[in-house]
């Protein structure tokens, strides 16, 4: 909700008749730079993410849960 509000504030400011083209260019360039940095960071994180080479052994002898089965009881 807060993000929608902030986006609306930005949109209203950009559509205001007194807004200068240079200001819009400055905002756009700053956002584009942040997008590139965020993309590079995510790429580096994914490259450094550890991969599982062997399955993890179970810690108990119990059977795994069956999907779609409810384990709740009604009062």
N, C-alpha and C. Protein backbone atom coordinates (compact mmCIF):
# COMPACT_ATOMS: atom_id res chain seq x y z
N UNK A 1 0.82 -1.18 0.00
CA UNK A 1 0.00 0.00 0.00
C UNK A 1 0.87 1.26 0.00
N UNK A 2 1.91 1.24 0.84
CA UNK A 2 2.80 2.40 0.91
C UNK A 2 3.54 2.61 -0.42
N UNK A 3 3.92 1.50 -1.07
CA UNK A 3 4.62 1.62 -2.35
C UNK A 3 3.70 2.22 -3.41
N UNK A 4 2.44 1.83 -3.42
CA UNK A 4 1.49 2.40 -4.38
C UNK A 4 1.35 3.90 -4.15
N UNK A 5 1.30 4.28 -2.88
CA UNK A 5 1.18 5.70 -2.55
C UNK A 5 2.40 6.48 -3.05
N UNK A 6 3.59 5.94 -2.80
CA UNK A 6 4.81 6.63 -3.24
C UNK A 6 4.88 6.70 -4.77
N UNK A 7 4.49 5.62 -5.45
CA UNK A 7 4.47 5.65 -6.91
C UNK A 7 3.51 6.71 -7.43
N UNK A 8 2.37 6.84 -6.78
CA UNK A 8 1.40 7.85 -7.19
C UNK A 8 1.96 9.25 -6.97
N UNK A 9 2.68 9.45 -5.87
CA UNK A 9 3.31 10.76 -5.63
C UNK A 9 4.32 11.08 -6.73
N UNK A 10 5.11 10.10 -7.12
CA UNK A 10 6.11 10.32 -8.18
C UNK A 10 5.41 10.63 -9.49
N UNK A 11 4.37 9.85 -9.80
CA UNK A 11 3.64 10.08 -11.05
C UNK A 11 3.03 11.47 -11.08
N UNK A 12 2.42 11.88 -9.98
CA UNK A 12 1.83 13.21 -9.93
C UNK A 12 2.89 14.30 -10.10
N UNK A 13 4.05 14.11 -9.46
CA UNK A 13 5.13 15.09 -9.58
C UNK A 13 5.65 15.17 -11.02
N UNK A 14 5.75 14.01 -11.67
CA UNK A 14 6.25 14.02 -13.06
C UNK A 14 5.24 14.64 -14.02
N UNK A 15 3.96 14.49 -13.73
CA UNK A 15 2.92 15.05 -14.60
C UNK A 15 2.60 16.51 -14.29
N UNK A 16 3.21 17.06 -13.25
CA UNK A 16 2.96 18.45 -12.88
C UNK A 16 3.50 19.36 -13.98
N UNK A 17 2.76 20.39 -14.35
CA UNK A 17 3.20 21.27 -15.45
C UNK A 17 4.53 21.98 -15.20
N UNK A 18 4.89 22.19 -13.94
CA UNK A 18 6.13 22.92 -13.65
C UNK A 18 7.36 22.01 -13.58
N UNK A 19 7.16 20.70 -13.77
CA UNK A 19 8.28 19.77 -13.70
C UNK A 19 9.18 19.96 -14.92
N UNK A 20 10.47 20.08 -14.67
CA UNK A 20 11.43 20.30 -15.75
C UNK A 20 11.87 18.97 -16.34
N UNK A 21 12.16 19.00 -17.62
CA UNK A 21 12.62 17.80 -18.32
C UNK A 21 13.94 17.30 -17.71
N UNK A 22 14.80 18.20 -17.30
CA UNK A 22 16.08 17.82 -16.71
C UNK A 22 15.88 17.03 -15.41
N UNK A 23 14.86 17.40 -14.64
CA UNK A 23 14.57 16.67 -13.40
C UNK A 23 14.11 15.25 -13.70
N UNK A 24 13.29 15.10 -14.71
CA UNK A 24 12.82 13.76 -15.10
C UNK A 24 13.99 12.91 -15.57
N UNK A 25 14.89 13.51 -16.34
CA UNK A 25 16.07 12.78 -16.82
C UNK A 25 16.94 12.35 -15.65
N UNK A 26 17.12 13.22 -14.66
CA UNK A 26 17.93 12.89 -13.48
C UNK A 26 17.33 11.71 -12.72
N UNK A 27 16.02 11.76 -12.51
CA UNK A 27 15.35 10.66 -11.79
C UNK A 27 15.47 9.36 -12.59
N UNK A 28 15.24 9.43 -13.89
CA UNK A 28 15.32 8.23 -14.71
C UNK A 28 16.72 7.63 -14.68
N UNK A 29 17.74 8.45 -14.81
CA UNK A 29 19.11 7.94 -14.82
C UNK A 29 19.49 7.32 -13.47
N UNK A 30 19.05 7.92 -12.37
CA UNK A 30 19.33 7.37 -11.05
C UNK A 30 18.64 6.02 -10.87
N UNK A 31 17.39 5.92 -11.31
CA UNK A 31 16.67 4.64 -11.21
C UNK A 31 17.29 3.57 -12.09
N UNK A 32 17.73 3.96 -13.28
CA UNK A 32 18.37 2.99 -14.17
C UNK A 32 19.68 2.49 -13.58
N UNK A 33 20.45 3.37 -12.98
CA UNK A 33 21.71 2.96 -12.34
C UNK A 33 21.43 1.99 -11.19
N UNK A 34 20.41 2.27 -10.38
CA UNK A 34 20.06 1.37 -9.29
C UNK A 34 19.59 0.01 -9.82
N UNK A 35 18.89 0.01 -10.93
CA UNK A 35 18.44 -1.24 -11.54
C UNK A 35 19.63 -2.08 -11.98
N UNK A 36 20.62 -1.46 -12.59
CA UNK A 36 21.82 -2.19 -13.01
C UNK A 36 22.56 -2.76 -11.81
N UNK A 37 22.71 -1.96 -10.76
CA UNK A 37 23.42 -2.42 -9.57
C UNK A 37 22.68 -3.59 -8.93
N UNK A 38 21.36 -3.48 -8.81
CA UNK A 38 20.58 -4.56 -8.23
C UNK A 38 20.69 -5.83 -9.07
N UNK A 39 20.62 -5.69 -10.38
CA UNK A 39 20.76 -6.85 -11.27
C UNK A 39 22.12 -7.51 -11.13
N UNK A 40 23.17 -6.71 -11.05
CA UNK A 40 24.52 -7.26 -10.87
C UNK A 40 24.66 -7.98 -9.54
N UNK A 41 24.09 -7.40 -8.48
CA UNK A 41 24.16 -8.03 -7.16
C UNK A 41 23.43 -9.36 -7.14
N UNK A 42 22.26 -9.41 -7.75
CA UNK A 42 21.51 -10.67 -7.79
C UNK A 42 22.27 -11.71 -8.60
N UNK A 43 22.86 -11.32 -9.72
CA UNK A 43 23.64 -12.26 -10.53
C UNK A 43 24.82 -12.81 -9.72
N UNK A 44 25.53 -11.94 -9.00
CA UNK A 44 26.66 -12.40 -8.20
C UNK A 44 26.21 -13.31 -7.06
N UNK A 45 25.09 -12.98 -6.43
CA UNK A 45 24.58 -13.85 -5.36
C UNK A 45 24.21 -15.23 -5.89
N UNK A 46 23.58 -15.27 -7.05
CA UNK A 46 23.20 -16.56 -7.62
C UNK A 46 24.42 -17.39 -8.02
N UNK A 47 25.45 -16.73 -8.51
CA UNK A 47 26.68 -17.45 -8.86
C UNK A 47 27.36 -18.02 -7.61
N UNK A 48 27.27 -17.29 -6.50
CA UNK A 48 27.93 -17.72 -5.27
C UNK A 48 27.06 -18.65 -4.42
N UNK A 49 25.81 -18.88 -4.83
CA UNK A 49 24.89 -19.69 -4.04
C UNK A 49 25.39 -21.13 -3.98
N UNK A 50 25.47 -21.71 -2.79
CA UNK A 50 25.96 -23.09 -2.69
C UNK A 50 24.96 -24.06 -3.31
N UNK A 51 25.49 -25.07 -3.98
CA UNK A 51 24.63 -26.08 -4.57
C UNK A 51 24.74 -27.36 -3.77
N UNK A 52 23.66 -28.09 -3.72
CA UNK A 52 23.63 -29.35 -2.99
C UNK A 52 24.13 -30.44 -3.93
N UNK A 53 25.20 -31.14 -3.52
CA UNK A 53 25.75 -32.18 -4.38
C UNK A 53 25.20 -33.56 -4.04
N UNK A 54 24.79 -33.74 -2.79
CA UNK A 54 24.21 -35.03 -2.41
C UNK A 54 22.96 -34.77 -1.57
N UNK A 55 22.01 -35.68 -1.62
CA UNK A 55 20.80 -35.46 -0.83
C UNK A 55 21.10 -35.44 0.66
N UNK A 56 20.37 -34.64 1.38
CA UNK A 56 20.55 -34.51 2.82
C UNK A 56 19.89 -35.72 3.48
N UNK A 57 20.61 -36.44 4.33
CA UNK A 57 20.00 -37.60 4.98
C UNK A 57 18.95 -37.16 5.99
N UNK A 58 17.90 -37.94 6.15
CA UNK A 58 16.87 -37.56 7.12
C UNK A 58 17.41 -37.61 8.54
N UNK A 59 16.87 -36.76 9.39
CA UNK A 59 17.34 -36.71 10.77
C UNK A 59 16.58 -37.66 11.68
N UNK A 60 15.43 -38.14 11.20
CA UNK A 60 14.64 -39.08 12.00
C UNK A 60 14.26 -40.26 11.12
N UNK A 61 13.73 -41.30 11.75
CA UNK A 61 13.30 -42.48 11.00
C UNK A 61 11.84 -42.39 10.58
N UNK A 62 11.21 -41.25 10.81
CA UNK A 62 9.80 -41.10 10.47
C UNK A 62 9.63 -40.94 8.97
N UNK A 63 8.45 -41.27 8.51
CA UNK A 63 8.13 -41.11 7.09
C UNK A 63 7.85 -39.63 6.83
N UNK A 64 8.17 -39.15 5.63
CA UNK A 64 7.87 -37.75 5.32
C UNK A 64 6.36 -37.54 5.21
N UNK A 65 5.94 -36.30 5.41
CA UNK A 65 4.53 -35.97 5.27
C UNK A 65 4.06 -36.22 3.85
N UNK A 66 2.82 -36.59 3.72
CA UNK A 66 2.22 -36.77 2.40
C UNK A 66 1.52 -35.47 2.04
N UNK A 67 1.79 -34.98 0.84
CA UNK A 67 1.17 -33.74 0.41
C UNK A 67 -0.33 -33.92 0.31
N UNK A 68 -1.05 -32.91 0.76
CA UNK A 68 -2.51 -32.94 0.68
C UNK A 68 -3.16 -33.61 1.87
N UNK A 69 -2.39 -34.12 2.81
CA UNK A 69 -2.95 -34.78 3.99
C UNK A 69 -3.00 -33.79 5.13
N UNK A 70 -4.15 -33.69 5.76
CA UNK A 70 -4.30 -32.81 6.91
C UNK A 70 -3.98 -33.59 8.17
N UNK A 71 -3.21 -32.99 9.05
CA UNK A 71 -2.84 -33.63 10.30
C UNK A 71 -3.48 -32.91 11.48
N UNK A 72 -4.64 -32.31 11.25
CA UNK A 72 -5.34 -31.61 12.30
C UNK A 72 -6.50 -32.46 12.77
N UNK A 73 -6.87 -32.30 14.01
CA UNK A 73 -8.04 -32.98 14.53
C UNK A 73 -9.09 -31.95 14.89
N UNK A 74 -10.34 -32.32 14.68
CA UNK A 74 -11.43 -31.40 15.03
C UNK A 74 -11.88 -31.69 16.44
N UNK A 75 -12.23 -30.63 17.15
CA UNK A 75 -12.72 -30.79 18.53
C UNK A 75 -14.16 -31.23 18.52
